Amino acid sequence: MHALFVTRRNLELILDNLLDGVMAHTTSRRIFFFNKAAEKITGYKRSDILGKDCHDVFPERFCGGDCEFCESINRRTNNKVLKKNIVFKRPDLKQRVLKMSIMPLNGTNDEEVGALLSFKDDTELNLLKDRLKHHHSLGALVGKDPKTLELFDQIREVSSVIVPVLVQGESGTGKELAANAIHDTGQRSSKPFVAINCGALPEGILESELFGHVKGSFSGAVNDRKGRFELAHEGTIFLDEVSELSPAMQVKLLRVLQEQKFERVGGEKSIQVDVRIISATNQNLMKLVDRKKFRRDLYYRLCVIPIIIPPLRERRLDIPMLVEHFLEVTALEINRPVLTPSNASLDLLESYAWPGNVRELRNAVEYAYVKCRTGLIEIRHLPLEIVNHKQKIMNKPGPSLKVKKEKILIALAKTEGNRKEAAKLLGIGRATLYRYLDLYGLK
């Protein structure tokens, strides 16, 4: 009996010296253990809460409100560990961000006797992450790949001068976000930012949208109406898909660029405007110029400063940060806890080619939120085209020799053998790196 007491006392001493908070309660939620770190983190005294129902003690459900977890323990249908981040309000009203793990607590005969909660205070770490995110973001653009950081520098440079900018990149790379960032970090940030998709409207409607119209100029024109150029006066107008402009509209746009004035549809009065023009296209405009599909003089007017956004497959270091960003955004939009991707699912996301770029990645994250019913996103929760991509890779006899052995050795040397960091340096997923290591006999 004495030995049992000593063992229990030693166990309590060990748990009391942990830096992480530890709490345990019965299946009826009666708290029977609360270590010193738990007192320090939560602000509650152990003597005040032992023996009490956790719902009666804490002003909000301590585990983040997921009482279905405890109910599943009671039904003996749960043997998993639940992980989540919660914002916890202490008795002194200070808010702390807690990283929490909740697991079933089993007795000597493997019967469920309650739940065990371990948690750590991640508040300072979250603040540091926020500062790093600020360093690795510009407006709504997010990333830390060298190519993305170079893009951020370009945007900051062009935002300080009022000249036309042409943003080029594949569909889904975030061209409008880049245009917004140029406007928001520039001298006209307090003025309007007006966007229009030149490829989404028929020519007649597009002309009215850009330049406005006067009453009676066409059927349905019951009032005078300002166009986008007037609305953007002293601010910025963003012309998306500018490559889709008809020859006639190209001529009219060229005149506005040259003279900064125009007439409304059906009107005679010239309207003077002061606007900054940012345009965008997913086409190679110079090739269209060579093929006589786009006016050369208009091209040079629009493309005083070109900015090219690389496709996502060329900036793979951005993928983990973008996944985390979209997980947080989606959680806020649908009012659900933030999910965490498993290592395997993140590896697959990093190795996928992303033909739809960042837009496709965001869709994949939102799809995973619909499919995932736990706190961890697994491969099975991802869209089928991404999962099928994994299967195609597995069915290949070996990776194509796109990454030479010497490059892999250099990356491993630079990262001191850290394979995760070496994969990032090479711009490939860890799973892909392992296949190369097998192929070259480097394991």
Protein backbone atom coordinates (compact mmCIF):
# COMPACT_ATOMS: atom_id res chain seq x y z
CA MET A 1 0.00 0.00 0.00
CA HIS A 2 2.87 2.32 0.84
CA ALA A 3 4.56 1.51 -2.47
CA LEU A 4 1.36 2.39 -4.32
CA PHE A 5 1.18 5.70 -2.49
CA VAL A 6 4.83 6.47 -3.33
CA THR A 7 4.26 5.60 -7.00
CA ARG A 8 1.20 7.82 -7.18
CA ARG A 9 3.00 10.66 -5.44
CA ASN A 10 5.97 10.37 -7.82
CA LEU A 11 3.63 10.41 -10.81
CA GLU A 12 1.95 13.57 -9.51
CA LEU A 13 5.37 15.18 -9.01
CA ILE A 14 6.31 14.34 -12.61
CA LEU A 15 3.06 15.75 -13.98
CA ASP A 16 3.40 18.85 -11.83
CA ASN A 17 6.83 19.55 -13.30
CA LEU A 18 5.61 19.44 -16.89
CA LEU A 19 5.48 22.72 -18.77
CA ASP A 20 2.24 21.65 -20.47
CA GLY A 21 -1.06 21.88 -18.64
CA VAL A 22 -2.74 18.54 -17.85
CA MET A 23 -6.35 18.04 -16.78
CA ALA A 24 -8.34 14.84 -16.38
CA HIS A 25 -12.05 14.33 -15.78
CA THR A 26 -14.44 11.41 -15.44
CA THR A 27 -17.05 10.40 -17.99
CA SER A 28 -19.46 12.63 -16.04
CA ARG A 29 -16.99 15.54 -16.50
CA ARG A 30 -15.89 15.64 -12.84
CA ILE A 31 -12.35 17.04 -12.72
CA PHE A 32 -9.99 14.86 -10.67
CA PHE A 33 -6.56 16.09 -11.82
CA PHE A 34 -5.21 19.55 -12.59
CA ASN A 35 -1.44 20.14 -12.58
CA LYS A 36 0.52 23.30 -11.71
CA ALA A 37 1.08 24.27 -15.34
CA ALA A 38 -2.71 24.07 -15.88
CA GLU A 39 -3.14 26.52 -12.98
CA LYS A 40 -0.58 28.91 -14.46
CA ILE A 41 -1.99 28.74 -18.00
CA THR A 42 -5.71 28.97 -17.16
CA GLY A 43 -5.56 31.18 -14.05
CA TYR A 44 -7.73 28.71 -12.09
CA LYS A 45 -6.66 27.23 -8.75
CA ARG A 46 -6.64 23.46 -8.49
CA SER A 47 -8.31 23.62 -5.06
CA ASP A 48 -11.25 25.53 -6.58
CA ILE A 49 -12.06 23.10 -9.37
CA LEU A 50 -11.21 19.54 -8.28
CA GLY A 51 -14.38 17.47 -8.01
CA LYS A 52 -16.46 19.92 -10.02
CA ASP A 53 -18.12 19.60 -13.43
CA CYS A 54 -15.86 21.27 -16.04
CA HIS A 55 -18.94 22.98 -17.53
CA ASP A 56 -19.68 24.59 -14.16
CA VAL A 57 -16.09 25.74 -13.64
CA PHE A 58 -15.19 27.30 -16.96
CA PRO A 59 -17.19 30.19 -18.44
CA GLU A 60 -16.91 28.54 -21.85
CA ARG A 61 -16.49 24.90 -22.71
CA PHE A 62 -12.81 24.40 -22.09
CA CYS A 63 -12.20 21.90 -24.90
CA GLY A 64 -13.62 24.28 -27.48
CA GLY A 65 -17.23 23.19 -27.20
CA ASP A 66 -16.75 19.71 -28.67
CA CYS A 67 -18.74 17.80 -26.06
CA GLU A 68 -19.58 15.18 -28.66
CA PHE A 69 -16.07 13.95 -27.96
CA CYS A 70 -16.89 13.16 -24.34
CA GLU A 71 -20.25 11.69 -25.35
CA SER A 72 -18.52 9.35 -27.78
CA ILE A 73 -16.23 8.24 -24.94
CA ASN A 74 -19.29 7.39 -22.89
CA ARG A 75 -20.65 5.39 -25.84
CA ARG A 76 -17.26 3.67 -26.13
CA THR A 77 -17.04 4.64 -29.78
CA ASN A 78 -13.99 6.88 -29.55
CA ASN A 79 -10.34 5.94 -29.15
CA LYS A 80 -8.85 8.83 -31.11
CA VAL A 81 -6.90 11.89 -30.07
CA LEU A 82 -8.61 15.18 -30.83
CA LYS A 83 -6.29 18.13 -31.50
CA LYS A 84 -7.40 21.73 -31.82
CA ASN A 85 -6.45 25.32 -31.10
CA ILE A 86 -8.83 27.35 -28.95
CA VAL A 87 -9.01 30.92 -27.67
CA PHE A 88 -9.45 30.71 -23.88
CA LYS A 89 -10.52 33.57 -21.62
CA ARG A 90 -8.96 33.47 -18.14
CA PRO A 91 -10.70 34.71 -14.95
CA ASP A 92 -8.62 37.92 -15.27
CA LEU A 93 -10.22 38.32 -18.75
CA LYS A 94 -6.89 37.85 -20.53
CA GLN A 95 -7.21 35.78 -23.70
CA ARG A 96 -4.75 33.01 -24.42
CA VAL A 97 -4.38 30.78 -27.48
CA LEU A 98 -4.15 27.17 -26.33
CA LYS A 99 -2.93 24.23 -28.37
CA MET A 100 -4.93 21.32 -27.00
CA SER A 101 -4.96 17.54 -27.26
CA ILE A 102 -7.90 15.56 -25.87
CA MET A 103 -7.89 11.78 -25.61
CA PRO A 104 -9.91 9.01 -23.97
CA LEU A 105 -8.68 7.93 -20.53
CA ASN A 106 -8.82 4.15 -20.09
CA GLY A 107 -8.78 2.20 -16.83
CA THR A 108 -6.91 -0.99 -15.92
CA ASN A 109 -9.38 -3.20 -17.82
CA ASP A 110 -9.28 -0.89 -20.83
CA GLU A 111 -12.67 0.56 -19.94
CA GLU A 112 -13.29 4.25 -20.56
CA VAL A 113 -13.14 6.20 -17.31
CA GLY A 114 -12.94 9.75 -18.66
CA ALA A 115 -10.86 12.09 -20.75
CA LEU A 116 -7.32 13.44 -20.51
CA LEU A 117 -6.56 16.96 -21.74
CA SER A 118 -3.07 18.33 -22.33
CA PHE A 119 -2.54 21.89 -23.48
CA LYS A 120 0.16 24.49 -23.96
CA ASP A 121 0.02 28.26 -24.20
CA ASP A 122 0.72 29.15 -27.83
CA THR A 123 -0.16 32.85 -27.51
CA GLU A 124 3.37 34.21 -27.95
CA LEU A 125 4.12 31.74 -30.73
CA ASN A 126 0.95 32.83 -32.52
CA LEU A 127 1.99 36.47 -32.24
CA LEU A 128 5.37 35.56 -33.71
CA LYS A 129 3.66 33.66 -36.52
CA ASP A 130 1.48 36.70 -37.20
CA ARG A 131 4.58 38.87 -37.47
CA LEU A 132 6.18 36.36 -39.83
CA LYS A 133 2.97 36.21 -41.88
CA HIS A 134 3.06 39.98 -42.17
CA HIS A 135 6.61 39.67 -43.47
CA HIS A 136 5.48 36.96 -45.88
CA SER A 137 2.38 38.74 -47.15
CA LEU A 138 1.45 41.81 -49.13
CA GLY A 139 -2.20 42.77 -49.09
CA ALA A 140 -4.08 39.53 -49.73
CA LEU A 141 -1.03 37.88 -51.37
CA VAL A 142 0.65 35.24 -49.21
CA GLY A 143 3.91 33.37 -49.72
CA LYS A 144 7.54 32.91 -48.75
CA ASP A 145 9.02 31.37 -51.89
CA PRO A 146 11.93 33.47 -53.23
CA LYS A 147 9.95 34.12 -56.42
CA THR A 148 7.01 35.40 -54.37
CA LEU A 149 9.20 37.63 -52.21
CA GLU A 150 10.70 39.02 -55.43
CA LEU A 151 7.14 39.71 -56.63
CA PHE A 152 6.43 41.60 -53.39
CA ASP A 153 9.51 43.76 -54.00
CA GLN A 154 8.37 44.51 -57.56
CA ILE A 155 4.91 45.53 -56.33
CA ARG A 156 6.38 47.88 -53.73
CA GLU A 157 8.63 49.45 -56.37
CA VAL A 158 5.87 50.10 -58.93
CA SER A 159 3.37 51.31 -56.33
CA SER A 160 5.48 54.41 -55.73
CA VAL A 161 5.20 55.61 -59.34
CA ILE A 162 2.00 56.38 -61.27
CA VAL A 163 2.60 54.50 -64.53
CA PRO A 164 0.59 51.79 -66.30
CA VAL A 165 1.36 48.24 -65.16
CA LEU A 166 0.64 45.01 -67.01
CA VAL A 167 0.24 41.98 -64.72
CA GLN A 168 0.74 38.68 -66.53
CA GLY A 169 0.22 35.16 -65.28
CA GLU A 170 -1.80 32.00 -65.69
CA SER A 171 -5.43 31.87 -64.60
CA GLY A 172 -5.77 31.57 -60.83
CA THR A 173 -2.36 33.03 -59.92
CA GLY A 174 -3.85 36.11 -58.22
CA LYS A 175 -3.46 38.88 -60.78
CA GLU A 176 -6.28 40.98 -59.31
CA LEU A 177 -4.81 40.55 -55.82
CA ALA A 178 -1.51 41.86 -57.17
CA ALA A 179 -3.29 44.83 -58.74
CA ASN A 180 -5.03 45.51 -55.42
CA ALA A 181 -1.70 45.36 -53.61
CA ILE A 182 -0.17 47.88 -56.05
CA HIS A 183 -3.08 50.24 -55.41
CA ASP A 184 -3.20 49.73 -51.64
CA THR A 185 0.53 50.36 -51.13
CA GLY A 186 0.62 53.34 -53.49
CA GLN A 187 -0.15 57.05 -53.30
CA ARG A 188 -3.78 56.52 -54.35
CA SER A 189 -4.70 53.98 -51.70
CA SER A 190 -7.41 56.23 -50.26
CA LYS A 191 -9.03 56.64 -53.69
CA PRO A 192 -11.28 54.15 -55.57
CA PHE A 193 -10.03 50.83 -56.96
CA VAL A 194 -12.42 49.87 -59.77
CA ALA A 195 -12.14 46.50 -61.53
CA ILE A 196 -13.75 45.23 -64.72
CA ASN A 197 -13.36 41.96 -66.63
CA CYS A 198 -12.96 42.88 -70.30
CA GLY A 199 -13.58 39.31 -71.43
CA ALA A 200 -16.85 38.79 -69.61
CA LEU A 201 -19.02 41.31 -71.47
CA PRO A 202 -20.13 41.80 -75.10
CA GLU A 203 -18.52 44.79 -76.84
CA GLY A 204 -21.58 47.06 -76.65
CA ILE A 205 -22.13 46.48 -72.96
CA LEU A 206 -18.40 46.73 -72.21
CA GLU A 207 -18.20 50.16 -73.85
CA SER A 208 -21.09 51.40 -71.71
CA GLU A 209 -19.52 49.88 -68.58
CA LEU A 210 -16.16 51.54 -69.26
CA PHE A 211 -17.28 54.97 -70.44
CA GLY A 212 -20.88 55.26 -69.20
CA HIS A 213 -23.86 56.38 -71.28
CA VAL A 214 -26.37 59.20 -71.57
CA LYS A 215 -30.11 58.83 -71.25
CA GLY A 216 -31.74 57.52 -74.42
CA SER A 217 -28.49 56.45 -76.07
CA PHE A 218 -29.86 52.92 -76.49
CA SER A 219 -32.86 50.85 -75.50
CA GLY A 220 -32.88 50.57 -71.72
CA ALA A 221 -30.75 53.66 -71.10
CA VAL A 222 -33.36 55.42 -68.97
CA ASN A 223 -30.84 57.55 -67.05
CA ASP A 224 -27.37 59.01 -67.44
CA ARG A 225 -24.83 56.59 -66.03
CA LYS A 226 -21.18 56.95 -65.07
CA GLY A 227 -18.71 54.40 -66.41
CA ARG A 228 -15.83 52.70 -64.63
CA PHE A 229 -13.30 55.32 -65.76
CA GLU A 230 -15.33 58.10 -64.13
CA LEU A 231 -15.85 56.04 -60.98
CA ALA A 232 -12.08 55.45 -60.77
CA HIS A 233 -11.22 59.17 -61.06
CA GLU A 234 -8.07 59.94 -59.01
CA GLY A 235 -7.81 56.24 -58.21
CA THR A 236 -7.03 53.03 -60.11
CA ILE A 237 -8.89 51.13 -62.81
CA PHE A 238 -8.06 47.44 -63.21
CA LEU A 239 -8.70 45.99 -66.67
CA ASP A 240 -8.69 42.21 -66.34
CA GLU A 241 -8.41 39.96 -69.41
CA VAL A 242 -7.37 42.99 -71.49
CA SER A 243 -6.26 40.61 -74.27
CA GLU A 244 -9.95 39.91 -75.01
CA LEU A 245 -10.67 43.48 -76.17
CA SER A 246 -12.03 43.76 -79.70
CA PRO A 247 -10.06 45.85 -82.26
CA ALA A 248 -12.62 48.67 -81.97
CA MET A 249 -12.40 48.72 -78.15
CA GLN A 250 -8.60 48.68 -78.35
CA VAL A 251 -8.73 51.91 -80.37
CA LYS A 252 -11.07 53.58 -77.84
CA LEU A 253 -8.93 52.48 -74.90
CA LEU A 254 -5.79 53.77 -76.63
CA ARG A 255 -7.34 57.22 -76.91
CA VAL A 256 -8.16 57.29 -73.19
CA LEU A 257 -4.59 56.31 -72.38
CA GLN A 258 -3.20 59.01 -74.64
CA GLU A 259 -5.54 61.86 -73.76
CA GLN A 260 -7.08 60.87 -70.40
CA LYS A 261 -10.52 61.81 -71.74
CA PHE A 262 -13.52 60.18 -73.44
CA GLU A 263 -17.23 60.62 -74.19
CA ARG A 264 -20.05 58.60 -72.72
CA VAL A 265 -21.93 56.36 -75.14
CA GLY A 266 -24.40 58.63 -76.98
CA GLY A 267 -22.83 61.76 -75.51
CA GLU A 268 -20.85 64.62 -77.02
CA LYS A 269 -19.21 66.15 -73.96
CA SER A 270 -15.61 65.07 -73.33
CA ILE A 271 -14.94 63.94 -69.77
CA GLN A 272 -11.43 64.39 -68.37
CA VAL A 273 -10.22 61.79 -65.88
CA ASP A 274 -7.09 61.13 -63.86
CA VAL A 275 -6.75 57.38 -63.40
CA ARG A 276 -3.96 54.90 -62.93
CA ILE A 277 -4.34 51.91 -65.24
CA ILE A 278 -3.39 48.39 -64.23
CA SER A 279 -4.25 45.68 -66.73
CA ALA A 280 -3.90 41.92 -66.63
CA THR A 281 -3.90 38.97 -68.96
CA ASN A 282 -3.26 35.24 -68.94
CA GLN A 283 -2.08 35.47 -72.57
CA ASN A 284 1.29 36.38 -74.03
CA LEU A 285 0.37 39.84 -75.32
CA MET A 286 3.54 40.24 -77.38
CA LYS A 287 2.70 37.06 -79.28
CA LEU A 288 -0.78 38.47 -79.93
CA VAL A 289 0.87 41.65 -81.19
CA ASP A 290 3.04 39.61 -83.59
CA ARG A 291 -0.08 37.81 -84.82
CA LYS A 292 -1.87 41.15 -85.38
CA LYS A 293 -4.45 40.27 -82.69
CA PHE A 294 -3.48 43.14 -80.40
CA ARG A 295 -2.37 46.67 -81.23
CA ARG A 296 1.34 47.26 -80.76
CA ASP A 297 0.87 50.90 -79.72
CA LEU A 298 -1.71 49.88 -77.11
CA TYR A 299 0.61 47.17 -75.82
CA TYR A 300 3.40 49.68 -75.18
CA ARG A 301 0.94 52.05 -73.49
CA LEU A 302 -0.29 49.33 -71.14
CA CYS A 303 3.02 47.60 -70.51
CA VAL A 304 5.20 50.42 -69.21
CA ILE A 305 6.09 48.13 -66.30
CA PRO A 306 5.44 44.40 -66.69
CA ILE A 307 4.89 42.17 -63.66
CA ILE A 308 4.85 38.42 -64.16
CA ILE A 309 3.29 36.19 -61.49
CA PRO A 310 4.87 32.71 -61.59
CA PRO A 311 2.50 29.71 -61.57
CA LEU A 312 2.11 27.91 -58.24
CA ARG A 313 4.10 24.87 -59.47
CA GLU A 314 7.14 27.15 -59.73
CA ARG A 315 6.85 28.45 -56.17
CA ARG A 316 6.12 25.34 -54.15
CA LEU A 317 7.48 26.85 -50.94
CA ASP A 318 4.29 28.92 -50.89
CA ILE A 319 2.01 25.87 -50.73
CA PRO A 320 2.21 25.05 -46.97
CA MET A 321 1.67 28.73 -46.07
CA LEU A 322 -1.21 29.07 -48.54
CA VAL A 323 -2.82 25.89 -47.18
CA GLU A 324 -2.59 27.25 -43.62
CA HIS A 325 -3.94 30.62 -44.78
CA PHE A 326 -6.93 29.11 -46.61
CA LEU A 327 -7.66 26.78 -43.68
CA GLU A 328 -7.90 29.81 -41.39
CA VAL A 329 -9.98 31.82 -43.89
CA THR A 330 -12.37 28.93 -44.50
CA ALA A 331 -12.74 28.28 -40.77
CA LEU A 332 -13.80 31.91 -40.26
CA GLU A 333 -16.19 31.86 -43.21
CA ILE A 334 -18.05 28.71 -42.12
CA ASN A 335 -17.58 29.21 -38.36
CA ARG A 336 -15.75 25.94 -37.72
CA PRO A 337 -12.49 25.15 -35.89
CA VAL A 338 -9.29 25.38 -37.92
CA LEU A 339 -8.33 22.00 -39.36
CA THR A 340 -4.79 20.65 -39.63
CA PRO A 341 -3.45 18.82 -42.71
CA SER A 342 -1.69 15.50 -42.13
CA ASN A 343 1.92 15.21 -43.28
CA ALA A 344 0.85 12.83 -46.05
CA SER A 345 -1.87 15.15 -47.36
CA LEU A 346 0.48 18.16 -47.24
CA ASP A 347 3.14 16.19 -49.13
CA LEU A 348 0.59 15.37 -51.80
CA LEU A 349 -0.52 19.00 -52.06
CA GLU A 350 3.12 20.05 -52.44
CA SER A 351 3.77 17.54 -55.21
CA TYR A 352 0.61 18.27 -57.24
CA ALA A 353 1.06 20.40 -60.40
CA TRP A 354 -1.84 22.82 -59.70
CA PRO A 355 -2.94 23.65 -63.26
CA GLY A 356 -5.56 25.99 -61.73
CA ASN A 357 -2.93 27.57 -59.47
CA VAL A 358 -3.87 29.29 -56.19
CA ARG A 359 -7.59 29.33 -57.04
CA GLU A 360 -7.56 25.54 -57.40
CA LEU A 361 -5.66 25.17 -54.12
CA ARG A 362 -8.26 27.24 -52.29
CA ASN A 363 -11.05 25.12 -53.80
CA ALA A 364 -9.23 21.98 -52.64
CA VAL A 365 -9.03 23.31 -49.07
CA GLU A 366 -12.73 24.20 -49.06
CA TYR A 367 -13.56 20.74 -50.44
CA ALA A 368 -11.52 19.15 -47.64
CA TYR A 369 -13.49 21.15 -45.05
CA VAL A 370 -16.74 19.71 -46.39
CA LYS A 371 -15.40 16.14 -46.36
CA CYS A 372 -13.41 16.18 -43.11
CA ARG A 373 -15.33 15.38 -39.90
CA THR A 374 -12.28 15.23 -37.62
CA GLY A 375 -9.60 17.76 -36.83
CA LEU A 376 -7.10 16.25 -39.27
CA ILE A 377 -7.29 16.45 -43.08
CA GLU A 378 -6.21 13.15 -44.62
CA ILE A 379 -5.56 12.32 -48.28
CA ARG A 380 -9.05 10.80 -48.54
CA HIS A 381 -10.55 14.23 -47.82
CA LEU A 382 -8.92 15.84 -50.86
CA PRO A 383 -10.52 16.21 -54.32
CA LEU A 384 -10.41 13.14 -56.54
CA GLU A 385 -8.17 14.69 -59.21
CA ILE A 386 -5.49 15.27 -56.55
CA VAL A 387 -5.88 11.80 -55.04
CA ASN A 388 -5.75 10.26 -58.53
CA HIS A 389 -2.55 12.23 -59.15
CA LYS A 390 -1.02 10.38 -56.18
CA GLN A 391 -2.10 7.05 -57.66
CA LYS A 392 -0.53 7.92 -61.03
CA ILE A 393 2.76 8.72 -59.30
CA MET A 394 2.66 5.43 -57.38
CA ASN A 395 2.02 3.49 -60.58
CA LYS A 396 5.09 4.94 -62.30
CA PRO A 397 8.18 2.70 -62.30
CA GLY A 398 10.24 5.62 -61.01
CA PRO A 399 10.46 9.39 -61.13
CA SER A 400 11.54 11.13 -64.29
CA LEU A 401 15.11 12.38 -64.07
CA LYS A 402 14.17 16.04 -63.81
CA VAL A 403 16.22 16.54 -60.64
CA LYS A 404 19.82 15.51 -61.03
CA LYS A 405 21.69 13.61 -58.35
CA GLU A 406 24.17 16.46 -57.89
CA LYS A 407 21.38 18.94 -57.11
CA ILE A 408 19.94 16.61 -54.49
CA LEU A 409 23.35 16.15 -52.85
CA ILE A 410 23.89 19.93 -52.79
CA ALA A 411 20.43 20.50 -51.26
CA LEU A 412 21.06 17.85 -48.59
CA ALA A 413 24.43 19.41 -47.81
CA LYS A 414 22.95 22.90 -47.50
CA THR A 415 20.23 21.66 -45.14
CA GLU A 416 22.62 19.40 -43.16
CA GLY A 417 20.67 16.32 -44.18
CA ASN A 418 17.24 17.69 -43.33
CA ARG A 419 15.13 16.04 -46.02
CA LYS A 420 12.06 18.19 -45.46
CA GLU A 421 14.08 21.38 -45.95
CA ALA A 422 16.01 19.86 -48.86
CA ALA A 423 12.73 19.06 -50.62
CA LYS A 424 11.59 22.66 -50.15
CA LEU A 425 14.90 23.93 -51.51
CA LEU A 426 14.48 21.74 -54.59
CA GLY A 427 10.86 22.80 -55.04
CA ILE A 428 9.47 19.27 -54.71
CA GLY A 429 7.43 17.38 -52.13
CA ARG A 430 9.07 15.13 -49.55
CA ALA A 431 7.49 12.04 -51.08
CA THR A 432 9.04 12.95 -54.44
CA LEU A 433 12.44 13.49 -52.81
CA TYR A 434 12.26 10.03 -51.20
CA ARG A 435 11.61 8.48 -54.61
CA TYR A 436 14.68 10.22 -56.01
CA LEU A 437 16.74 9.04 -53.04
CA ASP A 438 15.62 5.48 -53.75
CA LEU A 439 16.36 5.85 -57.45
CA TYR A 440 19.87 7.21 -56.89
CA GLY A 441 20.63 4.86 -53.99
CA LEU A 442 21.17 7.73 -51.57
CA LYS A 443 19.29 6.26 -48.61
